[in-house]
Amino acid sequence: MDTALMIGVIAVSFLVVIILLVRLRRALDEVTRLGDEMRQARRQLDATAGELAQCRAAKDALVEAVFDPVVFVDDDRRVVACNSAANRLGICKVGHSLIEATRSYELDNLAGDAIAGRAELPREFALHSRLFRAQAARFAGGAVLVLRDVSELQRLGRARRDFVANISHELRTPLTAMNLLLDTFRAESANITPAQQRLLGQMQDQTESLTQLVQELSELTQIESGQMPMRMVRASLHEVVSTAMTRLLPQAERAGLRMVNAVPEGLRGLFDPDQIRRVLSNLLHNAIKFTPQGEITAFVLSDEEAEKQLQKLRADPNGADLSVEDVLIVGVRDTGVGIPREELPRIFERFYKVDRARGQGGTGLGLAIAKHIVEAHGGRIWAESTLGRGTTFYFTVPRED
């Protein structure tokens, strides 16, 4: 072989070896890099697994710490997990459908609505002769249900209503006797002094206030307990407003106020006329008491205005899911002193009076009664007010079918 050719072959071979060594080095560097990345990824995976384990442990501890029964279901409404409280209740049947585990259509329906993404208000259902209030929330892959035993709350509420009803009943006889005695004394006005006559008048006023309080307590108890049936009929809102205003017209005239019935004459709804008249009377009476001058107007919102009000209600966590297709919104507006913003959430509580109302008389039950009547019609009542400019009360009534 020629020497030059041999040198060339050796040079090429040497070059090939160098190239292979370079590529091998690069491959080794890549393997080392990949190994480092795999180790880093493993460390991250271990850290994530640890965090997941901690989260799972925290979730399990939280669920176990909840006194109320908690049940997890998958998208097929099968029980996948629950806490000890649910196990003690006998509904922790993993793998079974929720309706098999609880025998409750209401609870199964609530879970279905939550899984479908429909926001639902809490529902009540009976289980093992106890009353529960259930709330559901969706999560990826199913829903979680929390059950609260409200049997004791129901019993206490019933005991409170019975107590108030009994007290109201027992007070009627002595109050009637006191009224008769006062009438007897006042009939002998020729034999008593003007000071005694004035005291008898004050006693008469206080007795009548107490009689009104007892009557309203009794009626509120009946409404709360469902013992006051609603006579739902198609009725004219204009006529109901007109009747309520006519009864209070002398009081408004003495106060120098004008009352306006702006409800369209042909507008009708589906409600109990006597009960809605009572709501309007309470609202109008309040407006007269706290309106030094001006006018009081009853009206019904247009569909566009009603939709704006209903949107505000839906934004409230406790708001109702009402629509303009189902309800009319009735308003009572005055030009009175107004109600402070911080007082508005409490004005429908029984016996609650805004500070400026302390010396105005009344029982503090009128708005509470109005609230229960409206809610018995499936509606809502609320108020908007500006200090010094007046207050507007709104409430809903069902539309005519």
Protein backbone atom coordinates (compact mmCIF):
# COMPACT_ATOMS: atom_id res chain seq x y z
CA MET A 1 0.00 0.00 0.00
CA ASP A 2 1.24 3.40 -0.84
CA THR A 3 2.53 5.35 2.15
CA ALA A 4 0.47 8.42 1.28
CA LEU A 5 -2.68 6.34 1.02
CA MET A 6 -1.97 4.70 4.37
CA ILE A 7 -1.46 8.10 6.00
CA GLY A 8 -4.72 9.26 4.50
CA VAL A 9 -6.62 6.23 5.83
CA ILE A 10 -5.10 6.73 9.28
CA ALA A 11 -6.02 10.42 9.21
CA VAL A 12 -9.59 9.67 8.20
CA SER A 13 -9.88 6.98 10.86
CA PHE A 14 -8.48 9.35 13.45
CA LEU A 15 -10.94 12.04 12.36
CA VAL A 16 -13.84 9.57 12.59
CA VAL A 17 -12.72 8.54 16.07
CA ILE A 18 -12.54 12.19 17.15
CA ILE A 19 -16.05 12.84 15.76
CA LEU A 20 -17.40 9.75 17.53
CA LEU A 21 -15.74 10.83 20.76
CA VAL A 22 -17.24 14.31 20.47
CA ARG A 23 -20.68 12.86 19.81
CA LEU A 24 -20.27 10.42 22.68
CA ARG A 25 -19.28 13.30 24.94
CA ARG A 26 -22.33 15.24 23.88
CA ALA A 27 -24.49 12.18 24.42
CA LEU A 28 -23.02 11.69 27.88
CA ASP A 29 -23.62 15.37 28.67
CA GLU A 30 -27.23 15.03 27.46
CA VAL A 31 -27.73 11.91 29.55
CA THR A 32 -26.29 13.73 32.55
CA ARG A 33 -28.59 16.71 31.91
CA LEU A 34 -31.61 14.46 31.49
CA GLY A 35 -30.67 12.64 34.68
CA ASP A 36 -30.45 15.96 36.55
CA GLU A 37 -33.81 17.03 35.13
CA MET A 38 -35.35 13.67 36.07
CA ARG A 39 -34.00 13.97 39.59
CA GLN A 40 -35.33 17.52 39.83
CA ALA A 41 -38.68 16.43 38.42
CA ARG A 42 -38.73 13.57 40.93
CA ARG A 43 -38.04 15.97 43.76
CA GLN A 44 -40.83 18.25 42.53
CA LEU A 45 -43.13 15.26 42.17
CA ASP A 46 -42.28 14.12 45.68
CA ALA A 47 -42.89 17.65 46.98
CA THR A 48 -46.21 17.85 45.12
CA ALA A 49 -47.19 14.43 46.39
CA GLY A 50 -46.34 15.58 49.90
CA GLU A 51 -48.44 18.73 49.47
CA LEU A 52 -51.30 16.68 48.06
CA ALA A 53 -51.04 14.30 50.99
CA GLN A 54 -51.08 17.25 53.38
CA CYS A 55 -54.07 18.76 51.59
CA ARG A 56 -55.84 15.41 51.64
CA ALA A 57 -55.07 15.00 55.32
CA ALA A 58 -56.24 18.55 56.03
CA LYS A 59 -59.43 17.93 54.02
CA ASP A 60 -60.08 14.68 55.86
CA ALA A 61 -59.43 16.35 59.21
CA LEU A 62 -61.70 19.25 58.29
CA VAL A 63 -64.49 16.96 57.17
CA GLU A 64 -64.14 14.88 60.34
CA ALA A 65 -64.11 18.02 62.47
CA VAL A 66 -67.48 19.07 61.05
CA PHE A 67 -70.19 18.05 63.47
CA ASP A 68 -72.76 17.79 60.67
CA PRO A 69 -72.91 14.78 58.34
CA VAL A 70 -70.95 15.34 55.11
CA VAL A 71 -71.40 13.13 52.04
CA PHE A 72 -69.38 13.17 48.79
CA VAL A 73 -70.99 11.82 45.62
CA ASP A 74 -69.67 11.42 42.08
CA ASP A 75 -71.31 12.64 38.88
CA ASP A 76 -73.54 9.56 38.90
CA ARG A 77 -74.72 10.47 42.42
CA ARG A 78 -73.01 7.48 44.01
CA VAL A 79 -71.56 7.84 47.48
CA VAL A 80 -67.75 7.97 47.31
CA ALA A 81 -66.83 9.24 50.79
CA CYS A 82 -68.35 10.65 53.97
CA ASN A 83 -67.39 11.64 57.50
CA SER A 84 -68.01 9.91 60.81
CA ALA A 85 -71.18 11.90 61.45
CA ALA A 86 -72.70 10.56 58.23
CA ASN A 87 -71.53 7.07 59.15
CA ARG A 88 -73.25 7.31 62.54
CA LEU A 89 -76.39 8.41 60.75
CA GLY A 90 -76.29 5.23 58.69
CA ILE A 91 -76.03 6.84 55.25
CA CYS A 92 -72.33 6.18 54.58
CA LYS A 93 -72.83 3.45 51.98
CA VAL A 94 -69.87 3.86 49.66
CA GLY A 95 -70.61 2.62 46.15
CA HIS A 96 -74.37 2.86 46.54
CA SER A 97 -76.48 5.55 44.92
CA LEU A 98 -77.44 8.47 47.12
CA ILE A 99 -81.12 7.64 46.98
CA GLU A 100 -80.36 4.05 48.05
CA ALA A 101 -78.25 5.31 50.96
CA THR A 102 -80.67 7.96 52.21
CA ARG A 103 -84.07 7.02 50.79
CA SER A 104 -84.59 10.75 50.25
CA TYR A 105 -85.83 12.06 46.93
CA GLU A 106 -85.26 15.66 48.07
CA LEU A 107 -81.58 15.04 48.86
CA ASP A 108 -81.01 13.11 45.63
CA ASN A 109 -82.66 15.90 43.65
CA LEU A 110 -80.53 18.51 45.43
CA ALA A 111 -77.34 16.60 44.53
CA GLY A 112 -78.49 16.35 40.92
CA ASP A 113 -79.10 20.09 40.72
CA ALA A 114 -75.67 20.83 42.20
CA ILE A 115 -73.92 18.49 39.75
CA ALA A 116 -75.80 20.12 36.88
CA GLY A 117 -74.52 23.51 38.04
CA ARG A 118 -77.89 24.85 39.14
CA ALA A 119 -77.61 27.03 42.24
CA GLU A 120 -80.12 25.81 44.79
CA LEU A 121 -81.34 27.10 48.13
CA PRO A 122 -81.00 24.77 51.13
CA ARG A 123 -83.70 22.11 51.31
CA GLU A 124 -85.28 20.37 54.23
CA PHE A 125 -86.06 16.68 54.40
CA ALA A 126 -86.90 14.06 57.02
CA LEU A 127 -84.55 11.19 57.86
CA HIS A 128 -84.96 8.74 60.72
CA SER A 129 -87.77 10.86 62.20
CA ARG A 130 -85.49 13.91 62.29
CA LEU A 131 -85.57 17.06 60.21
CA PHE A 132 -82.43 18.04 58.28
CA ARG A 133 -81.53 21.08 56.20
CA ALA A 134 -79.17 20.15 53.36
CA GLN A 135 -76.85 22.33 51.26
CA ALA A 136 -74.93 21.07 48.21
CA ALA A 137 -71.96 22.38 46.22
CA ARG A 138 -70.34 21.06 43.06
CA PHE A 139 -66.68 20.10 42.69
CA ALA A 140 -64.76 18.46 39.84
CA GLY A 141 -66.19 14.98 39.54
CA GLY A 142 -69.21 15.27 41.77
CA ALA A 143 -70.78 17.19 44.64
CA VAL A 144 -70.53 17.50 48.40
CA LEU A 145 -73.61 17.63 50.63
CA VAL A 146 -73.74 18.97 54.17
CA LEU A 147 -76.69 17.95 56.34
CA ARG A 148 -77.67 19.94 59.42
CA ASP A 149 -80.05 18.53 62.01
CA VAL A 150 -82.64 21.25 62.66
CA SER A 151 -85.05 19.11 64.65
CA GLU A 152 -84.21 20.89 67.90
CA LEU A 153 -84.49 24.31 66.26
CA GLN A 154 -87.87 23.32 64.91
CA ARG A 155 -88.98 22.11 68.34
CA LEU A 156 -87.79 25.32 70.00
CA GLY A 157 -89.52 27.41 67.35
CA ARG A 158 -92.73 25.50 67.88
CA ALA A 159 -92.39 25.89 71.66
CA ARG A 160 -91.84 29.64 71.24
CA ARG A 161 -94.91 29.99 69.03
CA ASP A 162 -97.01 27.95 71.46
CA PHE A 163 -95.78 30.08 74.36
CA VAL A 164 -96.63 33.33 72.57
CA ALA A 165 -100.03 31.97 71.53
CA ASN A 166 -100.83 30.88 75.08
CA ILE A 167 -99.69 34.17 76.59
CA SER A 168 -101.71 36.13 74.03
CA HIS A 169 -104.79 34.06 74.79
CA GLU A 170 -104.40 34.44 78.57
CA LEU A 171 -103.91 38.21 78.35
CA ARG A 172 -107.09 38.85 76.41
CA THR A 173 -109.45 38.29 79.38
CA PRO A 174 -107.74 40.69 81.83
CA LEU A 175 -107.30 43.30 79.08
CA THR A 176 -110.98 43.10 78.23
CA ALA A 177 -111.84 43.48 81.92
CA MET A 178 -109.52 46.49 82.22
CA ASN A 179 -111.17 48.15 79.23
CA LEU A 180 -114.61 47.59 80.75
CA LEU A 181 -113.50 49.03 84.09
CA LEU A 182 -111.98 52.08 82.41
CA ASP A 183 -115.14 52.62 80.37
CA THR A 184 -117.14 52.41 83.60
CA PHE A 185 -114.94 54.98 85.33
CA ARG A 186 -115.05 57.34 82.37
CA ALA A 187 -118.84 57.05 82.27
CA GLU A 188 -118.81 58.64 85.72
CA SER A 189 -116.92 61.65 84.39
CA ALA A 190 -119.10 64.05 86.35
CA ASN A 191 -117.69 62.71 89.62
CA ILE A 192 -113.98 62.84 88.78
CA THR A 193 -111.53 65.68 88.44
CA PRO A 194 -109.89 66.76 85.14
CA ALA A 195 -106.59 65.30 86.35
CA GLN A 196 -108.25 61.96 87.03
CA GLN A 197 -109.95 62.14 83.62
CA ARG A 198 -106.55 62.73 81.97
CA LEU A 199 -105.03 59.76 83.82
CA LEU A 200 -107.93 57.54 82.80
CA GLY A 201 -107.36 58.61 79.19
CA GLN A 202 -103.70 57.67 79.42
CA MET A 203 -104.62 54.33 80.98
CA GLN A 204 -107.10 53.75 78.15
CA ASP A 205 -104.40 54.50 75.53
CA GLN A 206 -101.90 52.11 77.14
CA THR A 207 -104.52 49.39 77.48
CA GLU A 208 -105.46 49.73 73.81
CA SER A 209 -101.74 49.56 72.84
CA LEU A 210 -101.33 46.40 74.88
CA THR A 211 -104.48 44.93 73.33
CA GLN A 212 -103.10 45.69 69.86
CA LEU A 213 -99.79 44.08 70.77
CA VAL A 214 -101.53 40.90 71.98
CA GLN A 215 -103.65 40.77 68.82
CA GLU A 216 -100.68 41.23 66.51
CA LEU A 217 -98.62 38.66 68.42
CA SER A 218 -101.43 36.16 68.03
CA GLU A 219 -101.77 36.87 64.31
CA LEU A 220 -98.01 36.71 63.73
CA THR A 221 -97.87 33.34 65.49
CA GLN A 222 -100.70 32.03 63.31
CA ILE A 223 -98.97 33.21 60.13
CA GLU A 224 -95.61 31.70 61.15
CA SER A 225 -97.16 28.34 62.01
CA GLY A 226 -99.19 28.20 58.80
CA GLN A 227 -102.48 28.26 60.69
CA MET A 228 -103.70 31.29 58.76
CA PRO A 229 -104.68 29.86 55.34
CA MET A 230 -104.20 31.97 52.23
CA ARG A 231 -107.24 32.45 49.98
CA MET A 232 -105.51 32.82 46.62
CA VAL A 233 -107.82 34.46 44.08
CA ARG A 234 -107.50 36.67 41.02
CA ALA A 235 -107.95 40.19 42.37
CA SER A 236 -107.48 43.80 41.34
CA LEU A 237 -104.43 45.42 42.90
CA HIS A 238 -105.92 48.86 42.33
CA GLU A 239 -109.02 47.99 44.38
CA VAL A 240 -106.98 46.47 47.22
CA VAL A 241 -104.78 49.59 47.39
CA SER A 242 -107.85 51.85 47.22
CA THR A 243 -109.53 50.03 50.13
CA ALA A 244 -106.38 50.25 52.28
CA MET A 245 -106.01 53.97 51.54
CA THR A 246 -109.67 54.70 52.26
CA ARG A 247 -109.39 53.23 55.74
CA LEU A 248 -106.35 55.38 56.52
CA LEU A 249 -107.53 58.53 54.75
CA PRO A 250 -108.74 60.33 57.93
CA GLN A 251 -105.37 59.75 59.60
CA ALA A 252 -103.53 61.04 56.50
CA GLU A 253 -105.75 64.13 56.31
CA ARG A 254 -105.11 64.95 59.97
CA ALA A 255 -101.38 64.80 59.19
CA GLY A 256 -101.85 67.03 56.13
CA LEU A 257 -100.69 64.30 53.71
CA ARG A 258 -101.93 63.36 50.25
CA MET A 259 -102.28 59.70 49.29
CA VAL A 260 -102.05 58.69 45.61
CA ASN A 261 -103.13 55.35 44.13
CA ALA A 262 -100.99 55.06 40.98
CA VAL A 263 -101.72 51.36 40.42
CA PRO A 264 -103.35 50.78 36.98
CA GLU A 265 -107.03 49.89 37.34
CA GLY A 266 -106.91 46.86 35.08
CA LEU A 267 -103.92 45.23 36.77
CA ARG A 268 -104.68 41.93 38.50
CA GLY A 269 -102.68 39.41 40.47
CA LEU A 270 -103.15 36.03 42.15
CA PHE A 271 -103.13 36.61 45.91
CA ASP A 272 -105.17 36.77 49.11
CA PRO A 273 -106.83 40.22 48.97
CA ASP A 274 -107.37 40.48 52.75
CA GLN A 275 -103.76 39.60 53.57
CA ILE A 276 -102.24 41.85 50.89
CA ARG A 277 -104.55 44.64 52.09
CA ARG A 278 -103.05 44.13 55.54
CA VAL A 279 -99.52 44.44 54.11
CA LEU A 280 -100.47 47.68 52.36
CA SER A 281 -102.19 49.03 55.48
CA ASN A 282 -99.08 48.41 57.58
CA LEU A 283 -96.84 50.08 55.01
CA LEU A 284 -99.19 53.05 54.55
CA HIS A 285 -99.61 53.46 58.31
CA ASN A 286 -95.82 53.56 58.75
CA ALA A 287 -95.51 56.08 55.93
CA ILE A 288 -98.10 58.36 57.55
CA LYS A 289 -96.32 58.21 60.91
CA PHE A 290 -92.93 59.18 59.51
CA THR A 291 -93.88 61.67 56.78
CA PRO A 292 -94.14 65.23 58.12
CA GLN A 293 -95.34 66.62 54.78
CA GLY A 294 -95.79 65.69 51.17
CA GLU A 295 -97.50 62.63 49.74
CA ILE A 296 -97.61 58.85 49.87
CA THR A 297 -97.88 56.94 46.61
CA ALA A 298 -98.68 53.30 45.88
CA PHE A 299 -97.60 52.03 42.46
CA VAL A 300 -96.53 48.98 40.46
CA LEU A 301 -93.17 48.87 38.67
CA SER A 302 -93.00 48.41 34.91
CA ASP A 303 -91.42 45.16 33.70
CA GLU A 304 -88.16 46.98 32.90
CA GLU A 305 -87.96 48.61 36.35
CA ALA A 306 -89.02 45.35 38.01
CA GLU A 307 -86.21 43.44 36.28
CA LYS A 308 -83.65 45.92 37.67
CA GLN A 309 -84.99 45.38 41.18
CA LEU A 310 -85.01 41.60 40.78
CA GLN A 311 -81.39 41.69 39.61
CA LYS A 312 -80.50 43.36 42.90
CA LEU A 313 -82.31 40.58 44.76
CA ARG A 314 -80.45 37.90 42.82
CA ALA A 315 -77.14 39.54 43.73
CA ASP A 316 -78.04 39.09 47.40
CA PRO A 317 -76.78 35.72 48.78
CA ASN A 318 -80.20 35.30 50.37
CA GLY A 319 -82.07 36.60 47.37
CA ALA A 320 -84.92 34.78 45.73
CA ASP A 321 -84.94 33.53 42.14
CA LEU A 322 -87.96 35.51 40.92
CA SER A 323 -88.76 36.68 37.39
CA VAL A 324 -90.95 39.40 35.90
CA GLU A 325 -92.96 36.69 34.17
CA ASP A 326 -94.09 35.38 37.55
CA VAL A 327 -94.46 38.39 39.85
CA LEU A 328 -95.54 42.01 40.04
CA ILE A 329 -93.61 44.44 42.24
CA VAL A 330 -95.79 46.77 44.30
CA GLY A 331 -94.24 49.87 45.85
CA VAL A 332 -95.24 52.31 48.59
CA ARG A 333 -93.24 55.56 48.45
CA ASP A 334 -93.27 58.40 50.97
CA THR A 335 -91.52 61.75 51.27
CA GLY A 336 -90.69 61.31 54.94
CA VAL A 337 -87.62 61.35 57.14
CA GLY A 338 -86.07 58.18 55.71
CA ILE A 339 -84.31 55.25 57.37
CA PRO A 340 -80.54 55.05 58.02
CA ARG A 341 -78.81 52.60 55.67
CA GLU A 342 -77.43 50.52 58.55
CA GLU A 343 -80.96 50.04 59.93
CA LEU A 344 -82.52 48.70 56.72
CA PRO A 345 -81.49 45.03 57.17
CA ARG A 346 -83.27 44.86 60.55
CA ILE A 347 -86.50 46.75 60.05
CA PHE A 348 -88.49 43.55 59.36
CA GLU A 349 -87.45 41.95 62.66
CA ARG A 350 -90.18 41.60 65.27
CA PHE A 351 -90.19 44.36 67.90
CA TYR A 352 -87.35 46.18 66.14
CA LYS A 353 -87.78 49.93 65.97
CA VAL A 354 -85.49 52.49 64.40
CA ASP A 355 -84.35 54.94 67.10
CA ARG A 356 -86.44 57.76 65.69
CA ALA A 357 -89.52 55.50 66.03
CA ARG A 358 -89.16 54.84 69.75
CA GLY A 359 -91.53 57.60 70.74
CA GLN A 360 -94.01 57.04 67.89
CA GLY A 361 -96.02 54.27 69.52
CA GLY A 362 -96.82 51.05 67.71
CA THR A 363 -95.80 47.52 68.54
CA GLY A 364 -92.83 46.97 66.22
CA LEU A 365 -94.66 44.00 64.67
CA GLY A 366 -96.28 45.59 61.61
CA LEU A 367 -93.36 45.06 59.23
CA ALA A 368 -92.69 41.57 60.62
CA ILE A 369 -96.31 40.63 59.87
CA ALA A 370 -96.04 42.15 56.38
CA LYS A 371 -92.86 40.16 55.72
CA HIS A 372 -94.43 36.84 56.74
CA ILE A 373 -97.56 37.48 54.66
CA VAL A 374 -95.51 38.31 51.55
CA GLU A 375 -93.27 35.27 52.06
CA ALA A 376 -96.37 33.10 52.49
CA HIS A 377 -97.22 34.21 48.94
CA GLY A 378 -93.76 33.02 47.82
CA GLY A 379 -92.46 36.58 47.49
CA ARG A 380 -90.00 39.06 48.96
CA ILE A 381 -90.29 42.44 50.66
CA TRP A 382 -87.51 45.03 50.97
CA ALA A 383 -86.95 48.76 51.31
CA GLU A 384 -84.80 51.53 49.88
CA SER A 385 -84.39 54.83 51.70
CA THR A 386 -82.54 58.15 51.70
CA LEU A 387 -82.38 60.16 54.91
CA GLY A 388 -84.44 63.32 54.65
CA ARG A 389 -85.93 62.35 51.28
CA GLY A 390 -88.17 59.40 52.03
CA THR A 391 -88.50 55.63 51.90
CA THR A 392 -89.87 53.19 49.33
CA PHE A 393 -91.04 49.73 50.34
CA TYR A 394 -91.30 47.07 47.64
CA PHE A 395 -92.97 43.67 47.77
CA THR A 396 -93.87 41.05 45.19
CA VAL A 397 -97.20 39.38 44.48
CA PRO A 398 -97.82 36.54 42.00
CA ARG A 399 -99.05 37.56 38.56
CA GLU A 400 -102.45 36.46 37.37
CA ASP A 401 -102.24 33.13 35.52
